Amino acid sequence: MSGLIVGSILLIDQAIKIWIKTHMYRGESFRIADWFYIYFTENNGMAFGMEIFSKLFLTSFRIAAVAAIIWYLCKVIRQGIVKTGYIVCLSLILAGALGNIIDSVFYGVLFSESTFHEIAHWVPIGEGYSDWFYGKVVDMFYFPIIDSHWPSWMPFVGGDHFIFFSPIFNFADAAISVGIITLLLFYSKYLSQHESSPAQTDTQEQNTTPEENLSE
C-alpha cells in the first residue's frame, strides 16, 4: 500500500511539473477561477517558495530526511501495531519529499532554463541550466483566495495590497502538508509511542493481540 501511494503521487507530481516546464514560460499564468491560477514559477528553497539556506544544503537535507522517513516507515510497517491512516500520512510525506528531490537533483542537468521568453526543453545530460543537485523546484498552484487592500484606518499597513493565500506550491508540497497536518491532528499519539524505548515497544507488541492488529 505504501509503495502504491508513493508511486502514484510521484507520477502525478512529475507529470504536472514536466508538462508545466515544457509548455509554459516562467511567470506565465492562466486563470482557472478568481481564487485559483496555474502560475509557473521556480524556487531554490523549501516548500512554498521559502529560501532560507543554501541550495546544496537544502538538497542534502531533503535526501537525509527521506532516508530517515524510509527507515522509520519500514520500522512501523514491520511492527504492524499502527493504524493504516498513520502509514498513509507517512507515505504522503515521503512521496512529497521525493518529488521535490527529483527536481533538485535532476532538473538542472536534464532541462534548458525556463525564462520569461523561452520555454524549457529536454537536453542531453550535462547540458542543462545547472549542475547535479542544483536544480530548481517547479511550482504552479496559486490560490489568491482573498485579493484586496487593508482598510485605510489600519496603522502601518493601511491601504496596502493584501493577498491571502499568496504562496505558490506544487503537488508534492500539498502531499507533504496534508500528511503532516493529518498526522498531527489524528495520529500524534503514535509519534510519542515510537519515540519510546525499545523495551517499551516490545511490551506493547506483547500486549497486542493478533485480533487487535487486524482491527487496526
Protein backbone atom coordinates (compact mmCIF):
# COMPACT_ATOMS: atom_id res chain seq x y z
CA MET A 1 0.00 0.00 0.00
CA SER A 2 2.72 2.46 0.96
CA GLY A 3 4.59 1.83 -2.28
CA LEU A 4 1.42 2.37 -4.31
CA ILE A 5 0.75 5.71 -2.60
CA VAL A 6 4.32 6.93 -3.05
CA GLY A 7 4.48 5.79 -6.67
CA SER A 8 1.12 7.36 -7.58
CA ILE A 9 1.96 10.73 -6.02
CA LEU A 10 5.38 10.79 -7.67
CA LEU A 11 3.85 10.01 -11.06
CA ILE A 12 1.22 12.76 -10.75
CA ASP A 13 3.70 15.28 -9.34
CA GLN A 14 6.32 14.75 -12.04
CA ALA A 15 3.76 14.63 -14.85
CA ILE A 16 2.40 18.03 -13.80
CA LYS A 17 5.85 19.57 -13.36
CA ILE A 18 7.24 18.31 -16.66
CA TRP A 19 4.15 19.47 -18.57
CA ILE A 20 4.32 22.91 -16.96
CA LYS A 21 8.05 23.26 -17.56
CA THR A 22 7.90 22.20 -21.22
CA HIS A 23 4.74 24.15 -22.14
CA MET A 24 4.86 27.43 -20.18
CA TYR A 25 7.17 30.42 -19.87
CA ARG A 26 8.41 31.20 -16.37
CA GLY A 27 5.99 33.72 -14.91
CA GLU A 28 3.20 32.71 -17.28
CA SER A 29 -0.20 32.03 -15.74
CA PHE A 30 -3.74 31.20 -16.70
CA ARG A 31 -6.89 31.61 -14.68
CA ILE A 32 -8.97 28.63 -13.55
CA ALA A 33 -11.16 30.70 -11.20
CA ASP A 34 -10.92 34.03 -9.40
CA TRP A 35 -9.29 32.20 -6.50
CA PHE A 36 -7.23 29.64 -8.45
CA TYR A 37 -4.47 30.15 -11.03
CA ILE A 38 -1.86 27.98 -12.68
CA TYR A 39 1.23 30.16 -12.32
CA PHE A 40 4.61 28.76 -13.35
CA THR A 41 7.50 29.70 -11.13
CA GLU A 42 10.62 28.02 -9.80
CA ASN A 43 12.43 28.27 -6.49
CA ASN A 44 15.71 27.20 -4.93
CA GLY A 45 14.31 26.75 -1.47
CA MET A 46 11.93 24.71 0.58
CA ALA A 47 8.18 24.23 0.35
CA PHE A 48 6.01 27.17 -0.79
CA GLY A 49 8.98 29.05 -2.22
CA MET A 50 10.81 29.77 1.03
CA GLU A 51 14.55 30.34 0.62
CA ILE A 52 16.49 30.21 3.87
CA PHE A 53 19.60 28.06 3.40
CA SER A 54 21.95 27.27 0.52
CA LYS A 55 20.73 25.08 -2.32
CA LEU A 56 23.23 22.26 -1.70
CA PHE A 57 22.34 22.19 1.99
CA LEU A 58 18.62 22.00 1.23
CA THR A 59 19.05 19.18 -1.28
CA SER A 60 21.29 17.24 1.10
CA PHE A 61 18.84 17.83 3.94
CA ARG A 62 15.96 16.54 1.80
CA ILE A 63 17.87 13.37 0.95
CA ALA A 64 18.78 12.75 4.60
CA ALA A 65 15.17 13.39 5.65
CA VAL A 66 13.86 10.95 3.03
CA ALA A 67 16.32 8.28 4.20
CA ALA A 68 15.10 8.76 7.77
CA ILE A 69 11.43 8.59 6.73
CA ILE A 70 12.02 5.39 4.73
CA TRP A 71 13.77 3.79 7.70
CA TYR A 72 11.00 4.82 10.10
CA LEU A 73 8.23 3.77 7.71
CA CYS A 74 9.76 0.32 7.24
CA LYS A 75 10.09 0.02 11.01
CA VAL A 76 6.45 0.78 11.83
CA ILE A 77 5.17 -1.40 8.97
CA ARG A 78 7.30 -4.28 10.23
CA GLN A 79 5.99 -3.82 13.78
CA GLY A 80 2.41 -3.81 12.50
CA ILE A 81 0.96 -2.02 15.52
CA VAL A 82 -0.21 1.24 13.92
CA LYS A 83 -3.34 2.18 12.01
CA THR A 84 -3.44 2.30 8.24
CA GLY A 85 -4.04 6.06 8.30
CA TYR A 86 -0.71 6.57 10.05
CA ILE A 87 1.09 4.69 7.27
CA VAL A 88 -0.79 6.76 4.68
CA CYS A 89 0.35 10.01 6.33
CA LEU A 90 3.98 8.90 6.37
CA SER A 91 3.71 7.78 2.75
CA LEU A 92 2.32 11.18 1.71
CA ILE A 93 5.22 12.97 3.40
CA LEU A 94 7.75 10.60 1.85
CA ALA A 95 6.27 10.95 -1.64
CA GLY A 96 6.20 14.74 -1.43
CA ALA A 97 9.79 14.91 -0.27
CA LEU A 98 10.91 12.56 -3.05
CA GLY A 99 9.03 14.61 -5.64
CA ASN A 100 10.93 17.79 -4.78
CA ILE A 101 14.23 15.91 -4.53
CA ILE A 102 13.83 14.78 -8.13
CA ASP A 103 13.57 18.43 -9.22
CA SER A 104 16.58 19.47 -7.15
CA VAL A 105 18.84 16.61 -8.20
CA PHE A 106 17.94 16.06 -11.87
CA TYR A 107 16.16 19.02 -13.45
CA GLY A 108 19.29 21.18 -13.67
CA VAL A 109 21.05 18.68 -15.94
CA LEU A 110 18.02 17.48 -17.93
CA PHE A 111 16.31 20.76 -18.93
CA SER A 112 17.29 24.03 -20.52
CA GLU A 113 16.50 27.09 -18.44
CA SER A 114 12.94 28.37 -18.21
CA THR A 115 12.81 32.13 -18.80
CA PHE A 116 10.18 34.79 -19.41
CA HIS A 117 10.88 34.46 -23.15
CA GLU A 118 11.89 30.83 -23.66
CA ILE A 119 10.15 27.57 -22.78
CA ALA A 120 12.41 24.86 -21.39
CA HIS A 121 13.09 21.66 -23.30
CA TRP A 122 14.89 18.38 -22.72
CA VAL A 123 18.65 18.46 -23.26
CA PRO A 124 21.43 15.82 -23.19
CA ILE A 125 22.62 15.10 -19.66
CA GLY A 126 25.09 17.74 -18.54
CA GLU A 127 23.90 20.43 -20.94
CA GLY A 128 21.16 21.79 -18.73
CA TYR A 129 20.87 25.08 -16.92
CA SER A 130 22.69 23.90 -13.78
CA ASP A 131 24.71 21.10 -12.15
CA TRP A 132 23.57 17.98 -10.32
CA PHE A 133 21.83 18.83 -7.00
CA TYR A 134 21.30 22.46 -8.07
CA GLY A 135 18.05 22.13 -9.99
CA LYS A 136 15.12 24.41 -9.25
CA VAL A 137 11.83 23.10 -7.87
CA VAL A 138 8.84 23.71 -10.15
CA ASP A 139 5.78 25.34 -8.55
CA MET A 140 2.44 26.10 -10.19
CA PHE A 141 -0.59 26.19 -7.87
CA TYR A 142 -1.63 29.69 -6.79
CA PHE A 143 -4.70 30.32 -4.63
CA PRO A 144 -5.24 34.08 -4.04
CA ILE A 145 -8.41 33.36 -2.08
CA ILE A 146 -8.63 36.97 -0.90
CA ASP A 147 -7.14 39.70 -3.12
CA SER A 148 -7.88 43.09 -1.59
CA HIS A 149 -6.40 46.01 0.35
CA TRP A 150 -6.02 46.63 4.04
CA PRO A 151 -8.51 49.20 5.42
CA SER A 152 -7.06 52.70 5.28
CA TRP A 153 -7.55 53.21 9.02
CA MET A 154 -5.17 50.38 9.94
CA PRO A 155 -1.77 51.59 11.19
CA PHE A 156 1.37 50.76 9.18
CA VAL A 157 -0.41 48.65 6.51
CA GLY A 158 -3.48 50.78 5.77
CA GLY A 159 -4.23 50.85 2.05
CA ASP A 160 -1.54 48.27 1.19
CA HIS A 161 -2.31 45.44 -1.18
CA PHE A 162 -3.20 42.20 0.63
CA ILE A 163 -3.39 38.64 -0.72
CA PHE A 164 -4.45 35.54 1.16
CA PHE A 165 -3.15 32.85 0.31
CA SER A 166 -0.05 34.07 -1.60
CA PRO A 167 2.44 31.13 -1.66
CA ILE A 168 2.79 29.20 -4.93
CA PHE A 169 3.28 25.47 -4.44
CA ASN A 170 3.26 22.12 -6.22
CA PHE A 171 1.58 18.74 -5.83
CA ALA A 172 4.48 17.40 -3.75
CA ASP A 173 4.19 20.32 -1.32
CA ALA A 174 0.46 19.60 -1.00
CA ALA A 175 1.14 15.93 -0.21
CA ILE A 176 3.65 16.88 2.49
CA SER A 177 1.27 19.42 4.04
CA VAL A 178 -1.71 17.03 4.06
CA GLY A 179 0.42 14.27 5.55
CA ILE A 180 1.89 16.42 8.32
CA ILE A 181 -1.39 18.14 9.27
CA THR A 182 -3.34 14.87 9.35
CA LEU A 183 -0.54 13.22 11.30
CA LEU A 184 -0.55 15.93 13.96
CA LEU A 185 -4.34 16.09 14.20
CA PHE A 186 -5.17 12.40 14.35
CA TYR A 187 -2.05 10.32 14.93
CA SER A 188 0.21 12.32 17.24
CA LYS A 189 -0.01 9.56 19.89
CA TYR A 190 1.87 7.19 17.59
CA LEU A 191 4.74 9.67 17.29
CA SER A 192 5.23 9.67 21.07
CA GLN A 193 4.85 5.88 21.24
CA HIS A 194 7.57 5.27 18.67
CA GLU A 195 9.91 7.68 20.41
CA SER A 196 9.75 5.44 23.48
CA SER A 197 12.43 2.94 24.41
CA PRO A 198 12.79 -0.42 22.65
CA ALA A 199 11.78 -2.20 25.87
CA GLN A 200 8.52 -0.27 26.00
CA THR A 201 7.85 -1.01 22.34
CA ASP A 202 8.46 -4.73 22.95
CA THR A 203 5.99 -4.66 25.84
CA GLN A 204 3.37 -3.01 23.63
CA GLU A 205 3.90 -5.67 20.97
CA GLN A 206 3.48 -8.46 23.54
CA ASN A 207 0.28 -6.92 24.88
CA THR A 208 -1.25 -6.53 21.42
CA THR A 209 -3.27 -9.49 20.23
CA PRO A 210 -3.50 -10.56 16.58
CA GLU A 211 -7.15 -9.55 16.60
CA GLU A 212 -6.24 -6.01 17.66
CA ASN A 213 -3.64 -5.80 14.93
CA LEU A 214 -6.20 -6.81 12.35
CA SER A 215 -8.75 -4.32 13.64
CA GLU A 216 -6.25 -1.53 13.21
